[in-house]
Structures are given as structure tokens and as C-alpha cells.
């Protein structure tokens, strides 16, 4: 399983790109990340 618990992140020298991201990927399941470009999907 993969769990994001109020995750925040910003690249060094830049502004925050993730703000309190929380969700859980249960073991053996398939979770999709969707949204507009620059939303932080690849960063996760």
C-alpha cells in the first residue's frame, strides 16, 4: 500500500507545488492521477 498523509513539497529554491495531499492506494489496487498540466502528478 502507498499512503500520502498531508504531503507538502516544493522544489529547492521554488514555491510549494503540493499542498496537504492526502490519499491512500490500497495494496493490489490501481489508482490513477489525473488533472491539468502542472497539477503535481509526476511530482508525486
ModelCIF file with pLDDT and N, C-alpha, C, O atoms, coordinates in Angstrom:
data_MODEL
#
_entry.id   MODEL 
#
_entity.id                         1 
_entity.type                       polymer 
_entity.pdbx_number_of_molecules   1 
#
_entity_poly.entity_id                      1 
_entity_poly.type                           'polypeptide(L)' 
_entity_poly.nstd_linkage                   no 
_entity_poly.nstd_monomer                   no 
_entity_poly.pdbx_seq_one_letter_code       
;(UNK)(UNK)(UNK)(UNK)(UNK)(UNK)(UNK)(UNK)(UNK)(UNK)(UNK)(UNK)(UNK)(UNK)(UNK)(UNK)
(UNK)(UNK)(UNK)(UNK)(UNK)(UNK)(UNK)(UNK)(UNK)(UNK)(UNK)(UNK)(UNK)(UNK)(UNK)(UNK)
(UNK)(UNK)(UNK)(UNK)(UNK)(UNK)(UNK)(UNK)(UNK)(UNK)(UNK)(UNK)
;
_entity_poly.pdbx_seq_one_letter_code_can   XXXXXXXXXXXXXXXXXXXXXXXXXXXXXXXXXXXXXXXXXXXX 
_entity_poly.pdbx_strand_id                 A 
#
loop_
_entity_poly_seq.entity_id 
_entity_poly_seq.num 
_entity_poly_seq.mon_id 
_entity_poly_seq.hetero 
1 1  UNK n 
1 2  UNK n 
1 3  UNK n 
1 4  UNK n 
1 5  UNK n 
1 6  UNK n 
1 7  UNK n 
1 8  UNK n 
1 9  UNK n 
1 10 UNK n 
1 11 UNK n 
1 12 UNK n 
1 13 UNK n 
1 14 UNK n 
1 15 UNK n 
1 16 UNK n 
1 17 UNK n 
1 18 UNK n 
1 19 UNK n 
1 20 UNK n 
1 21 UNK n 
1 22 UNK n 
1 23 UNK n 
1 24 UNK n 
1 25 UNK n 
1 26 UNK n 
1 27 UNK n 
1 28 UNK n 
1 29 UNK n 
1 30 UNK n 
1 31 UNK n 
1 32 UNK n 
1 33 UNK n 
1 34 UNK n 
1 35 UNK n 
1 36 UNK n 
1 37 UNK n 
1 38 UNK n 
1 39 UNK n 
1 40 UNK n 
1 41 UNK n 
1 42 UNK n 
1 43 UNK n 
1 44 UNK n 
#
_struct_asym.id          A 
_struct_asym.entity_id   1 
#
loop_
_ma_qa_metric.id 
_ma_qa_metric.mode 
_ma_qa_metric.name 
_ma_qa_metric.software_group_id 
_ma_qa_metric.type 
1 global pLDDT . pLDDT 
2 local  pLDDT . pLDDT 
#
_ma_qa_metric_global.metric_id      1 
_ma_qa_metric_global.metric_value   90.25 
_ma_qa_metric_global.model_id       1 
_ma_qa_metric_global.ordinal_id     1 
#
loop_
_ma_qa_metric_local.label_asym_id 
_ma_qa_metric_local.label_comp_id 
_ma_qa_metric_local.label_seq_id 
_ma_qa_metric_local.metric_id 
_ma_qa_metric_local.metric_value 
_ma_qa_metric_local.model_id 
_ma_qa_metric_local.ordinal_id 
A UNK 1  2 88.00 1 1  
A UNK 2  2 92.00 1 2  
A UNK 3  2 93.00 1 3  
A UNK 4  2 94.00 1 4  
A UNK 5  2 93.00 1 5  
A UNK 6  2 93.00 1 6  
A UNK 7  2 93.00 1 7  
A UNK 8  2 93.00 1 8  
A UNK 9  2 93.00 1 9  
A UNK 10 2 91.00 1 10 
A UNK 11 2 89.00 1 11 
A UNK 12 2 84.00 1 12 
A UNK 13 2 84.00 1 13 
A UNK 14 2 83.00 1 14 
A UNK 15 2 89.00 1 15 
A UNK 16 2 90.00 1 16 
A UNK 17 2 91.00 1 17 
A UNK 18 2 92.00 1 18 
A UNK 19 2 92.00 1 19 
A UNK 20 2 92.00 1 20 
A UNK 21 2 93.00 1 21 
A UNK 22 2 93.00 1 22 
A UNK 23 2 93.00 1 23 
A UNK 24 2 93.00 1 24 
A UNK 25 2 92.00 1 25 
A UNK 26 2 90.00 1 26 
A UNK 27 2 88.00 1 27 
A UNK 28 2 86.00 1 28 
A UNK 29 2 89.00 1 29 
A UNK 30 2 90.00 1 30 
A UNK 31 2 92.00 1 31 
A UNK 32 2 92.00 1 32 
A UNK 33 2 93.00 1 33 
A UNK 34 2 92.00 1 34 
A UNK 35 2 89.00 1 35 
A UNK 36 2 88.00 1 36 
A UNK 37 2 85.00 1 37 
A UNK 38 2 85.00 1 38 
A UNK 39 2 86.00 1 39 
A UNK 40 2 89.00 1 40 
A UNK 41 2 90.00 1 41 
A UNK 42 2 89.00 1 42 
A UNK 43 2 92.00 1 43 
A UNK 44 2 93.00 1 44 
#
loop_
_atom_site.group_PDB 
_atom_site.id 
_atom_site.type_symbol 
_atom_site.label_atom_id 
_atom_site.label_alt_id 
_atom_site.label_comp_id 
_atom_site.label_asym_id 
_atom_site.label_entity_id 
_atom_site.label_seq_id 
_atom_site.pdbx_PDB_ins_code 
_atom_site.Cartn_x 
_atom_site.Cartn_y 
_atom_site.Cartn_z 
_atom_site.occupancy 
_atom_site.B_iso_or_equiv 
_atom_site.pdbx_formal_charge 
_atom_site.auth_seq_id 
_atom_site.auth_comp_id 
_atom_site.auth_asym_id 
_atom_site.auth_atom_id 
_atom_site.pdbx_PDB_model_num 
ATOM 1   N N  . UNK A 1 1  ? 0.842  -1.188 0.000   1.00 88.00 ? 1  UNK A N  1 
ATOM 2   C CA . UNK A 1 1  ? 0.000  0.000  0.000   1.00 88.00 ? 1  UNK A CA 1 
ATOM 3   C C  . UNK A 1 1  ? 0.884  1.247  0.000   1.00 88.00 ? 1  UNK A C  1 
ATOM 4   O O  . UNK A 1 1  ? 2.016  1.224  0.481   1.00 88.00 ? 1  UNK A O  1 
ATOM 5   N N  . UNK A 1 2  ? 0.342  2.337  -0.550  1.00 92.00 ? 2  UNK A N  1 
ATOM 6   C CA . UNK A 1 2  ? 1.047  3.621  -0.589  1.00 92.00 ? 2  UNK A CA 1 
ATOM 7   C C  . UNK A 1 2  ? 0.118  4.663  0.017   1.00 92.00 ? 2  UNK A C  1 
ATOM 8   O O  . UNK A 1 2  ? -1.034 4.792  -0.397  1.00 92.00 ? 2  UNK A O  1 
ATOM 9   N N  . UNK A 1 3  ? 0.618  5.401  0.993   1.00 93.00 ? 3  UNK A N  1 
ATOM 10  C CA . UNK A 1 3  ? -0.220 6.381  1.683   1.00 93.00 ? 3  UNK A CA 1 
ATOM 11  C C  . UNK A 1 3  ? 0.440  7.754  1.660   1.00 93.00 ? 3  UNK A C  1 
ATOM 12  O O  . UNK A 1 3  ? 1.589  7.907  2.076   1.00 93.00 ? 3  UNK A O  1 
ATOM 13  N N  . UNK A 1 4  ? -0.288 8.743  1.175   1.00 94.00 ? 4  UNK A N  1 
ATOM 14  C CA . UNK A 1 4  ? 0.127  10.140 1.237   1.00 94.00 ? 4  UNK A CA 1 
ATOM 15  C C  . UNK A 1 4  ? -0.645 10.795 2.379   1.00 94.00 ? 4  UNK A C  1 
ATOM 16  O O  . UNK A 1 4  ? -1.874 10.861 2.347   1.00 94.00 ? 4  UNK A O  1 
ATOM 17  N N  . UNK A 1 5  ? 0.078  11.275 3.385   1.00 93.00 ? 5  UNK A N  1 
ATOM 18  C CA . UNK A 1 5  ? -0.538 11.840 4.575   1.00 93.00 ? 5  UNK A CA 1 
ATOM 19  C C  . UNK A 1 5  ? -0.180 13.321 4.690   1.00 93.00 ? 5  UNK A C  1 
ATOM 20  O O  . UNK A 1 5  ? 0.882  13.672 5.205   1.00 93.00 ? 5  UNK A O  1 
ATOM 21  N N  . UNK A 1 6  ? -1.075 14.188 4.203   1.00 93.00 ? 6  UNK A N  1 
ATOM 22  C CA . UNK A 1 6  ? -0.900 15.646 4.269   1.00 93.00 ? 6  UNK A CA 1 
ATOM 23  C C  . UNK A 1 6  ? 0.475  16.053 3.726   1.00 93.00 ? 6  UNK A C  1 
ATOM 24  O O  . UNK A 1 6  ? 1.202  16.825 4.351   1.00 93.00 ? 6  UNK A O  1 
ATOM 25  N N  . UNK A 1 7  ? 0.809  15.520 2.561   1.00 93.00 ? 7  UNK A N  1 
ATOM 26  C CA . UNK A 1 7  ? 2.124  15.745 1.960   1.00 93.00 ? 7  UNK A CA 1 
ATOM 27  C C  . UNK A 1 7  ? 2.202  17.141 1.349   1.00 93.00 ? 7  UNK A C  1 
ATOM 28  O O  . UNK A 1 7  ? 1.324  17.557 0.593   1.00 93.00 ? 7  UNK A O  1 
ATOM 29  N N  . UNK A 1 8  ? 3.262  17.845 1.691   1.00 93.00 ? 8  UNK A N  1 
ATOM 30  C CA . UNK A 1 8  ? 3.576  19.124 1.070   1.00 93.00 ? 8  UNK A CA 1 
ATOM 31  C C  . UNK A 1 8  ? 4.983  19.076 0.502   1.00 93.00 ? 8  UNK A C  1 
ATOM 32  O O  . UNK A 1 8  ? 5.861  18.413 1.055   1.00 93.00 ? 8  UNK A O  1 
ATOM 33  N N  . UNK A 1 9  ? 5.197  19.779 -0.602  1.00 93.00 ? 9  UNK A N  1 
ATOM 34  C CA . UNK A 1 9  ? 6.514  19.712 -1.235  1.00 93.00 ? 9  UNK A CA 1 
ATOM 35  C C  . UNK A 1 9  ? 6.725  20.925 -2.132  1.00 93.00 ? 9  UNK A C  1 
ATOM 36  O O  . UNK A 1 9  ? 5.795  21.423 -2.767  1.00 93.00 ? 9  UNK A O  1 
ATOM 37  N N  . UNK A 1 10 ? 7.977  21.386 -2.165  1.00 91.00 ? 10 UNK A N  1 
ATOM 38  C CA . UNK A 1 10 ? 8.394  22.431 -3.082  1.00 91.00 ? 10 UNK A CA 1 
ATOM 39  C C  . UNK A 1 10 ? 9.802  22.152 -3.560  1.00 91.00 ? 10 UNK A C  1 
ATOM 40  O O  . UNK A 1 10 ? 10.660 21.768 -2.765  1.00 91.00 ? 10 UNK A O  1 
ATOM 41  N N  . UNK A 1 11 ? 10.058 22.339 -4.853  1.00 89.00 ? 11 UNK A N  1 
ATOM 42  C CA . UNK A 1 11 ? 11.404 22.118 -5.378  1.00 89.00 ? 11 UNK A CA 1 
ATOM 43  C C  . UNK A 1 11 ? 12.366 23.140 -4.784  1.00 89.00 ? 11 UNK A C  1 
ATOM 44  O O  . UNK A 1 11 ? 11.962 24.265 -4.490  1.00 89.00 ? 11 UNK A O  1 
ATOM 45  N N  . UNK A 1 12 ? 13.641 22.765 -4.601  1.00 84.00 ? 12 UNK A N  1 
ATOM 46  C CA . UNK A 1 12 ? 14.606 23.684 -3.982  1.00 84.00 ? 12 UNK A CA 1 
ATOM 47  C C  . UNK A 1 12 ? 14.634 25.037 -4.691  1.00 84.00 ? 12 UNK A C  1 
ATOM 48  O O  . UNK A 1 12 ? 14.792 25.120 -5.909  1.00 84.00 ? 12 UNK A O  1 
ATOM 49  N N  . UNK A 1 13 ? 14.477 26.078 -3.903  1.00 84.00 ? 13 UNK A N  1 
ATOM 50  C CA . UNK A 1 13 ? 14.509 27.428 -4.453  1.00 84.00 ? 13 UNK A CA 1 
ATOM 51  C C  . UNK A 1 13 ? 13.223 27.883 -5.104  1.00 84.00 ? 13 UNK A C  1 
ATOM 52  O O  . UNK A 1 13 ? 13.160 28.994 -5.630  1.00 84.00 ? 13 UNK A O  1 
ATOM 53  N N  . UNK A 1 14 ? 12.196 27.052 -5.081  1.00 83.00 ? 14 UNK A N  1 
ATOM 54  C CA . UNK A 1 14 ? 10.933 27.409 -5.724  1.00 83.00 ? 14 UNK A CA 1 
ATOM 55  C C  . UNK A 1 14 ? 9.774  27.404 -4.745  1.00 83.00 ? 14 UNK A C  1 
ATOM 56  O O  . UNK A 1 14 ? 9.931  27.011 -3.589  1.00 83.00 ? 14 UNK A O  1 
ATOM 57  N N  . UNK A 1 15 ? 8.611  27.841 -5.207  1.00 89.00 ? 15 UNK A N  1 
ATOM 58  C CA . UNK A 1 15 ? 7.433  27.855 -4.336  1.00 89.00 ? 15 UNK A CA 1 
ATOM 59  C C  . UNK A 1 15 ? 6.882  26.454 -4.133  1.00 89.00 ? 15 UNK A C  1 
ATOM 60  O O  . UNK A 1 15 ? 7.222  25.552 -4.898  1.00 89.00 ? 15 UNK A O  1 
ATOM 61  N N  . UNK A 1 16 ? 6.042  26.242 -3.126  1.00 90.00 ? 16 UNK A N  1 
ATOM 62  C CA . UNK A 1 16 ? 5.428  24.921 -2.916  1.00 90.00 ? 16 UNK A CA 1 
ATOM 63  C C  . UNK A 1 16 ? 4.595  24.507 -4.128  1.00 90.00 ? 16 UNK A C  1 
ATOM 64  O O  . UNK A 1 16 ? 3.898  25.331 -4.720  1.00 90.00 ? 16 UNK A O  1 
ATOM 65  N N  . UNK A 1 17 ? 4.669  23.227 -4.494  1.00 91.00 ? 17 UNK A N  1 
ATOM 66  C CA . UNK A 1 17 ? 3.888  22.714 -5.622  1.00 91.00 ? 17 UNK A CA 1 
ATOM 67  C C  . UNK A 1 17 ? 2.844  21.698 -5.166  1.00 91.00 ? 17 UNK A C  1 
ATOM 68  O O  . UNK A 1 17 ? 1.920  21.386 -5.918  1.00 91.00 ? 17 UNK A O  1 
ATOM 69  N N  . UNK A 1 18 ? 2.978  21.182 -3.953  1.00 92.00 ? 18 UNK A N  1 
ATOM 70  C CA . UNK A 1 18 ? 1.985  20.270 -3.383  1.00 92.00 ? 18 UNK A CA 1 
ATOM 71  C C  . UNK A 1 18 ? 1.553  20.798 -2.022  1.00 92.00 ? 18 UNK A C  1 
ATOM 72  O O  . UNK A 1 18 ? 2.375  21.273 -1.239  1.00 92.00 ? 18 UNK A O  1 
ATOM 73  N N  . UNK A 1 19 ? 0.256  20.710 -1.750  1.00 92.00 ? 19 UNK A N  1 
ATOM 74  C CA . UNK A 1 19 ? -0.292 21.260 -0.520  1.00 92.00 ? 19 UNK A CA 1 
ATOM 75  C C  . UNK A 1 19 ? -1.213 20.231 0.143   1.00 92.00 ? 19 UNK A C  1 
ATOM 76  O O  . UNK A 1 19 ? -2.302 19.948 -0.355  1.00 92.00 ? 19 UNK A O  1 
ATOM 77  N N  . UNK A 1 20 ? -0.768 19.684 1.256   1.00 92.00 ? 20 UNK A N  1 
ATOM 78  C CA . UNK A 1 20 ? -1.579 18.780 2.079   1.00 92.00 ? 20 UNK A CA 1 
ATOM 79  C C  . UNK A 1 20 ? -2.298 17.707 1.236   1.00 92.00 ? 20 UNK A C  1 
ATOM 80  O O  . UNK A 1 20 ? -3.513 17.531 1.327   1.00 92.00 ? 20 UNK A O  1 
ATOM 81  N N  . UNK A 1 21 ? -1.526 17.019 0.438   1.00 93.00 ? 21 UNK A N  1 
ATOM 82  C CA . UNK A 1 21 ? -2.076 15.947 -0.404  1.00 93.00 ? 21 UNK A CA 1 
ATOM 83  C C  . UNK A 1 21 ? -2.256 14.695 0.450   1.00 93.00 ? 21 UNK A C  1 
ATOM 84  O O  . UNK A 1 21 ? -1.299 14.198 1.045   1.00 93.00 ? 21 UNK A O  1 
ATOM 85  N N  . UNK A 1 22 ? -3.469 14.196 0.507   1.00 93.00 ? 22 UNK A N  1 
ATOM 86  C CA . UNK A 1 22 ? -3.763 13.001 1.305   1.00 93.00 ? 22 UNK A CA 1 
ATOM 87  C C  . UNK A 1 22 ? -4.649 12.051 0.515   1.00 93.00 ? 22 UNK A C  1 
ATOM 88  O O  . UNK A 1 22 ? -5.745 12.418 0.090   1.00 93.00 ? 22 UNK A O  1 
ATOM 89  N N  . UNK A 1 23 ? -4.175 10.841 0.324   1.00 93.00 ? 23 UNK A N  1 
ATOM 90  C CA . UNK A 1 23 ? -4.976 9.745  -0.216  1.00 93.00 ? 23 UNK A CA 1 
ATOM 91  C C  . UNK A 1 23 ? -4.186 8.461  -0.027  1.00 93.00 ? 23 UNK A C  1 
ATOM 92  O O  . UNK A 1 23 ? -2.976 8.498  0.197   1.00 93.00 ? 23 UNK A O  1 
ATOM 93  N N  . UNK A 1 24 ? -4.863 7.338  -0.116  1.00 93.00 ? 24 UNK A N  1 
ATOM 94  C CA . UNK A 1 24 ? -4.230 6.032  0.093   1.00 93.00 ? 24 UNK A CA 1 
ATOM 95  C C  . UNK A 1 24 ? -4.465 5.143  -1.116  1.00 93.00 ? 24 UNK A C  1 
ATOM 96  O O  . UNK A 1 24 ? -5.574 5.081  -1.647  1.00 93.00 ? 24 UNK A O  1 
ATOM 97  N N  . UNK A 1 25 ? -3.415 4.456  -1.547  1.00 92.00 ? 25 UNK A N  1 
ATOM 98  C CA . UNK A 1 25 ? -3.507 3.466  -2.609  1.00 92.00 ? 25 UNK A CA 1 
ATOM 99  C C  . UNK A 1 25 ? -3.479 2.095  -1.943  1.00 92.00 ? 25 UNK A C  1 
ATOM 100 O O  . UNK A 1 25 ? -2.404 1.643  -1.550  1.00 92.00 ? 25 UNK A O  1 
ATOM 101 N N  . UNK A 1 26 ? -4.599 1.423  -1.801  1.00 90.00 ? 26 UNK A N  1 
ATOM 102 C CA . UNK A 1 26 ? -4.586 0.108  -1.145  1.00 90.00 ? 26 UNK A CA 1 
ATOM 103 C C  . UNK A 1 26 ? -3.734 -0.894 -1.919  1.00 90.00 ? 26 UNK A C  1 
ATOM 104 O O  . UNK A 1 26 ? -3.597 -0.799 -3.139  1.00 90.00 ? 26 UNK A O  1 
ATOM 105 N N  . UNK A 1 27 ? -3.174 -1.839 -1.204  1.00 88.00 ? 27 UNK A N  1 
ATOM 106 C CA . UNK A 1 27 ? -2.327 -2.853 -1.826  1.00 88.00 ? 27 UNK A CA 1 
ATOM 107 C C  . UNK A 1 27 ? -3.115 -3.649 -2.853  1.00 88.00 ? 27 UNK A C  1 
ATOM 108 O O  . UNK A 1 27 ? -4.249 -4.056 -2.600  1.00 88.00 ? 27 UNK A O  1 
ATOM 109 N N  . UNK A 1 28 ? -2.505 -3.869 -4.019  1.00 86.00 ? 28 UNK A N  1 
ATOM 110 C CA . UNK A 1 28 ? -3.127 -4.671 -5.056  1.00 86.00 ? 28 UNK A CA 1 
ATOM 111 C C  . UNK A 1 28 ? -4.194 -3.971 -5.862  1.00 86.00 ? 28 UNK A C  1 
ATOM 112 O O  . UNK A 1 28 ? -4.936 -4.626 -6.594  1.00 86.00 ? 28 UNK A O  1 
ATOM 113 N N  . UNK A 1 29 ? -4.297 -2.650 -5.750  1.00 89.00 ? 29 UNK A N  1 
ATOM 114 C CA . UNK A 1 29 ? -5.306 -1.897 -6.496  1.00 89.00 ? 29 UNK A CA 1 
ATOM 115 C C  . UNK A 1 29 ? -4.623 -0.964 -7.491  1.00 89.00 ? 29 UNK A C  1 
ATOM 116 O O  . UNK A 1 29 ? -3.400 -0.825 -7.511  1.00 89.00 ? 29 UNK A O  1 
ATOM 117 N N  . UNK A 1 30 ? -5.452 -0.335 -8.311  1.00 90.00 ? 30 UNK A N  1 
ATOM 118 C CA . UNK A 1 30 ? -4.959 0.565  -9.341  1.00 90.00 ? 30 UNK A CA 1 
ATOM 119 C C  . UNK A 1 30 ? -5.531 1.958  -9.105  1.00 90.00 ? 30 UNK A C  1 
ATOM 120 O O  . UNK A 1 30 ? -6.747 2.148  -9.096  1.00 90.00 ? 30 UNK A O  1 
ATOM 121 N N  . UNK A 1 31 ? -4.635 2.933  -8.912  1.00 92.00 ? 31 UNK A N  1 
ATOM 122 C CA . UNK A 1 31 ? -5.043 4.316  -8.677  1.00 92.00 ? 31 UNK A CA 1 
ATOM 123 C C  . UNK A 1 31 ? -4.484 5.192  -9.787  1.00 92.00 ? 31 UNK A C  1 
ATOM 124 O O  . UNK A 1 31 ? -3.311 5.086  -10.144 1.00 92.00 ? 31 UNK A O  1 
ATOM 125 N N  . UNK A 1 32 ? -5.327 6.055  -10.325 1.00 92.00 ? 32 UNK A N  1 
ATOM 126 C CA . UNK A 1 32 ? -4.922 6.962  -11.402 1.00 92.00 ? 32 UNK A CA 1 
ATOM 127 C C  . UNK A 1 32 ? -4.862 8.391  -10.876 1.00 92.00 ? 32 UNK A C  1 
ATOM 128 O O  . UNK A 1 32 ? -5.712 8.815  -10.093 1.00 92.00 ? 32 UNK A O  1 
ATOM 129 N N  . UNK A 1 33 ? -3.841 9.126  -11.319 1.00 93.00 ? 33 UNK A N  1 
ATOM 130 C CA . UNK A 1 33 ? -3.708 10.541 -11.003 1.00 93.00 ? 33 UNK A CA 1 
ATOM 131 C C  . UNK A 1 33 ? -4.018 11.329 -12.265 1.00 93.00 ? 33 UNK A C  1 
ATOM 132 O O  . UNK A 1 33 ? -3.338 11.171 -13.280 1.00 93.00 ? 33 UNK A O  1 
ATOM 133 N N  . UNK A 1 34 ? -5.033 12.173 -12.211 1.00 92.00 ? 34 UNK A N  1 
ATOM 134 C CA . UNK A 1 34 ? -5.424 12.967 -13.370 1.00 92.00 ? 34 UNK A CA 1 
ATOM 135 C C  . UNK A 1 34 ? -5.525 14.421 -12.956 1.00 92.00 ? 34 UNK A C  1 
ATOM 136 O O  . UNK A 1 34 ? -5.583 14.745 -11.770 1.00 92.00 ? 34 UNK A O  1 
ATOM 137 N N  . UNK A 1 35 ? -5.545 15.291 -13.956 1.00 89.00 ? 35 UNK A N  1 
ATOM 138 C CA . UNK A 1 35 ? -5.654 16.713 -13.705 1.00 89.00 ? 35 UNK A CA 1 
ATOM 139 C C  . UNK A 1 35 ? -4.924 17.496 -14.767 1.00 89.00 ? 35 UNK A C  1 
ATOM 140 O O  . UNK A 1 35 ? -4.234 16.908 -15.600 1.00 89.00 ? 35 UNK A O  1 
ATOM 141 N N  . UNK A 1 36 ? -5.058 18.815 -14.760 1.00 88.00 ? 36 UNK A N  1 
ATOM 142 C CA . UNK A 1 36 ? -4.371 19.635 -15.766 1.00 88.00 ? 36 UNK A CA 1 
ATOM 143 C C  . UNK A 1 36 ? -2.864 19.587 -15.606 1.00 88.00 ? 36 UNK A C  1 
ATOM 144 O O  . UNK A 1 36 ? -2.356 19.194 -14.556 1.00 88.00 ? 36 UNK A O  1 
ATOM 145 N N  . UNK A 1 37 ? -2.147 19.988 -16.652 1.00 85.00 ? 37 UNK A N  1 
ATOM 146 C CA . UNK A 1 37 ? -0.679 20.018 -16.600 1.00 85.00 ? 37 UNK A CA 1 
ATOM 147 C C  . UNK A 1 37 ? -0.227 20.953 -15.485 1.00 85.00 ? 37 UNK A C  1 
ATOM 148 O O  . UNK A 1 37 ? -0.802 22.021 -15.277 1.00 85.00 ? 37 UNK A O  1 
ATOM 149 N N  . UNK A 1 38 ? 0.821  20.528 -14.768 1.00 85.00 ? 38 UNK A N  1 
ATOM 150 C CA . UNK A 1 38 ? 1.344  21.334 -13.679 1.00 85.00 ? 38 UNK A CA 1 
ATOM 151 C C  . UNK A 1 38 ? 0.631  21.143 -12.362 1.00 85.00 ? 38 UNK A C  1 
ATOM 152 O O  . UNK A 1 38 ? 0.880  21.880 -11.408 1.00 85.00 ? 38 UNK A O  1 
ATOM 153 N N  . UNK A 1 39 ? -0.267 20.150 -12.295 1.00 86.00 ? 39 UNK A N  1 
ATOM 154 C CA . UNK A 1 39 ? -1.022 19.938 -11.058 1.00 86.00 ? 39 UNK A CA 1 
ATOM 155 C C  . UNK A 1 39 ? -0.205 19.201 -10.001 1.00 86.00 ? 39 UNK A C  1 
ATOM 156 O O  . UNK A 1 39 ? -0.592 19.190 -8.833  1.00 86.00 ? 39 UNK A O  1 
ATOM 157 N N  . UNK A 1 40 ? 0.924  18.581 -10.385 1.00 89.00 ? 40 UNK A N  1 
ATOM 158 C CA . UNK A 1 40 ? 1.768  17.886 -9.424  1.00 89.00 ? 40 UNK A CA 1 
ATOM 159 C C  . UNK A 1 40 ? 1.723  16.379 -9.517  1.00 89.00 ? 40 UNK A C  1 
ATOM 160 O O  . UNK A 1 40 ? 2.152  15.690 -8.591  1.00 89.00 ? 40 UNK A O  1 
ATOM 161 N N  . UNK A 1 41 ? 1.209  15.849 -10.624 1.00 90.00 ? 41 UNK A N  1 
ATOM 162 C CA . UNK A 1 41 ? 1.041  14.391 -10.742 1.00 90.00 ? 41 UNK A CA 1 
ATOM 163 C C  . UNK A 1 41 ? 2.394  13.678 -10.795 1.00 90.00 ? 41 UNK A C  1 
ATOM 164 O O  . UNK A 1 41 ? 2.633  12.751 -10.021 1.00 90.00 ? 41 UNK A O  1 
ATOM 165 N N  . UNK A 1 42 ? 3.269  14.097 -11.691 1.00 89.00 ? 42 UNK A N  1 
ATOM 166 C CA . UNK A 1 42 ? 4.579  13.446 -11.807 1.00 89.00 ? 42 UNK A CA 1 
ATOM 167 C C  . UNK A 1 42 ? 5.426  13.679 -10.562 1.00 89.00 ? 42 UNK A C  1 
ATOM 168 O O  . UNK A 1 42 ? 6.252  12.837 -10.208 1.00 89.00 ? 42 UNK A O  1 
ATOM 169 N N  . UNK A 1 43 ? 5.228  14.807 -9.902  1.00 92.00 ? 43 UNK A N  1 
ATOM 170 C CA . UNK A 1 43 ? 5.964  15.083 -8.670  1.00 92.00 ? 43 UNK A CA 1 
ATOM 171 C C  . UNK A 1 43 ? 5.645  14.052 -7.603  1.00 92.00 ? 43 UNK A C  1 
ATOM 172 O O  . UNK A 1 43 ? 6.532  13.655 -6.847  1.00 92.00 ? 43 UNK A O  1 
ATOM 173 N N  . UNK A 1 44 ? 4.395  13.610 -7.526  1.00 93.00 ? 44 UNK A N  1 
ATOM 174 C CA . UNK A 1 44 ? 4.022  12.591 -6.549  1.00 93.00 ? 44 UNK A CA 1 
ATOM 175 C C  . UNK A 1 44 ? 4.783  11.290 -6.787  1.00 93.00 ? 44 UNK A C  1 
ATOM 176 O O  . UNK A 1 44 ? 4.592  10.320 -6.054  1.00 93.00 ? 44 UNK A O  1 
#
